[in-house]
Amino acid sequence: MRRRALIANVFAAFAFIVAVGCGVGGWTVRRGAVTPPPFAIDFGVAQALGRLSTVPVCSYATSCLLDPSGRDTTIYTVWLIQRPTQSEAPVRALRLFSIVIEDGS
């Protein structure tokens, strides 16, 4: 009985540490304090990718021309790319998550 309680407490502590760590890590990345790493991990028929990219917030033909500082938003996205085993099947891309990175200025 004591062993189960100990295992439950260890599991609860681990879950708490993971939750707080992910929350703090996500917050620091979102604020731009930490730059997330670009990566590409190949698993054979699948590949995990993490990349920074920018997307326009508004049309370049409108107000962004008047205020170029607000033109692009930086986003970190993690993708899972599934390559088919047969050449005629399409490649599938699944976005696991995206996070907007705020400009620190």
Protein backbone atom coordinates (compact mmCIF):
# COMPACT_ATOMS: atom_id res chain seq x y z
CA MET A 1 0.00 0.00 0.00
CA ARG A 2 2.80 2.43 0.86
CA ARG A 3 4.57 1.60 -2.38
CA ARG A 4 1.48 2.55 -4.43
CA ALA A 5 1.18 5.82 -2.55
CA LEU A 6 4.85 6.56 -3.19
CA ILE A 7 4.50 5.79 -6.90
CA ALA A 8 1.37 7.97 -7.10
CA ASN A 9 3.17 10.84 -5.36
CA VAL A 10 6.18 10.54 -7.66
CA PHE A 11 3.91 10.48 -10.70
CA ALA A 12 1.96 13.53 -9.44
CA ALA A 13 5.20 15.44 -8.79
CA PHE A 14 6.51 14.53 -12.26
CA ALA A 15 3.23 15.63 -13.90
CA PHE A 16 3.36 18.92 -11.99
CA ILE A 17 6.97 19.57 -13.01
CA VAL A 18 6.17 18.81 -16.67
CA ALA A 19 3.10 21.07 -16.63
CA VAL A 20 4.93 23.98 -15.00
CA GLY A 21 8.01 23.46 -17.18
CA CYS A 22 5.99 23.44 -20.39
CA GLY A 23 4.02 26.48 -19.27
CA VAL A 24 7.10 28.50 -18.36
CA GLY A 25 8.94 27.31 -21.48
CA GLY A 26 6.03 28.25 -23.73
CA TRP A 27 5.72 31.63 -22.05
CA THR A 28 9.45 32.44 -22.50
CA VAL A 29 9.35 31.37 -26.16
CA ARG A 30 6.20 33.41 -26.78
CA ARG A 31 7.77 36.50 -25.20
CA GLY A 32 10.89 36.11 -27.37
CA ALA A 33 13.20 35.56 -24.38
CA VAL A 34 14.24 32.15 -25.75
CA THR A 35 14.53 31.28 -29.42
CA PRO A 36 13.21 27.79 -30.16
CA PRO A 37 15.61 25.59 -32.13
CA PRO A 38 15.01 24.64 -35.73
CA PHE A 39 15.17 20.87 -36.11
CA ALA A 40 14.49 18.02 -38.52
CA ILE A 41 14.27 14.47 -37.19
CA ASP A 42 13.80 11.65 -39.68
CA PHE A 43 11.87 8.54 -38.55
CA GLY A 44 11.92 6.69 -41.88
CA VAL A 45 8.41 7.15 -43.27
CA ALA A 46 7.83 10.22 -41.10
CA GLN A 47 9.77 13.37 -40.30
CA ALA A 48 9.33 15.91 -37.50
CA LEU A 49 10.23 19.51 -38.34
CA GLY A 50 10.43 22.63 -36.20
CA ARG A 51 10.82 25.94 -38.00
CA LEU A 52 10.51 29.69 -37.49
CA SER A 53 8.58 31.51 -40.18
CA THR A 54 6.96 34.87 -40.73
CA VAL A 55 3.51 35.68 -42.01
CA PRO A 56 2.08 39.08 -42.94
CA VAL A 57 -0.33 40.48 -40.38
CA CYS A 58 -2.07 42.68 -42.92
CA SER A 59 -2.09 43.33 -46.63
CA TYR A 60 1.04 45.01 -47.95
CA ALA A 61 -1.16 47.23 -50.09
CA THR A 62 -2.85 48.80 -47.07
CA SER A 63 -1.76 50.10 -43.69
CA CYS A 64 1.40 47.97 -43.46
CA LEU A 65 3.06 50.27 -45.98
CA LEU A 66 2.52 53.13 -43.55
CA ASP A 67 3.91 51.19 -40.58
CA PRO A 68 6.50 48.62 -41.74
CA SER A 69 7.39 47.70 -38.14
CA GLY A 70 4.08 45.84 -37.75
CA ARG A 71 4.26 44.02 -41.06
CA ASP A 72 5.27 40.44 -40.16
CA THR A 73 4.57 38.09 -37.28
CA THR A 74 7.08 35.39 -36.33
CA ILE A 75 5.63 31.94 -35.74
CA TYR A 76 7.33 28.74 -34.54
CA THR A 77 5.64 25.64 -35.92
CA VAL A 78 6.27 21.94 -35.37
CA TRP A 79 5.18 19.69 -38.25
CA LEU A 80 4.89 15.94 -38.70
CA ILE A 81 5.42 14.97 -42.35
CA GLN A 82 4.30 11.47 -43.37
CA ARG A 83 5.82 10.17 -46.58
CA PRO A 84 3.88 7.39 -48.27
CA THR A 85 5.40 3.98 -48.91
CA GLN A 86 3.84 4.00 -52.40
CA SER A 87 4.98 6.71 -54.80
CA GLU A 88 1.46 7.55 -56.05
CA ALA A 89 0.10 8.34 -52.56
CA PRO A 90 0.23 11.98 -51.42
CA VAL A 91 2.56 13.29 -48.71
CA ARG A 92 0.64 14.26 -45.55
CA ALA A 93 1.62 17.18 -43.35
CA LEU A 94 0.18 17.49 -39.86
CA ARG A 95 0.80 20.68 -37.89
CA LEU A 96 1.33 19.59 -34.27
CA PHE A 97 1.40 23.12 -32.83
CA SER A 98 2.23 26.73 -33.60
CA ILE A 99 3.17 29.53 -31.25
CA VAL A 100 3.33 33.24 -32.07
CA ILE A 101 6.56 34.85 -30.93
CA GLU A 102 6.09 38.41 -29.79
CA ASP A 103 8.65 41.06 -30.63
CA GLY A 104 10.50 42.12 -27.50
CA SER A 105 10.87 45.75 -28.63
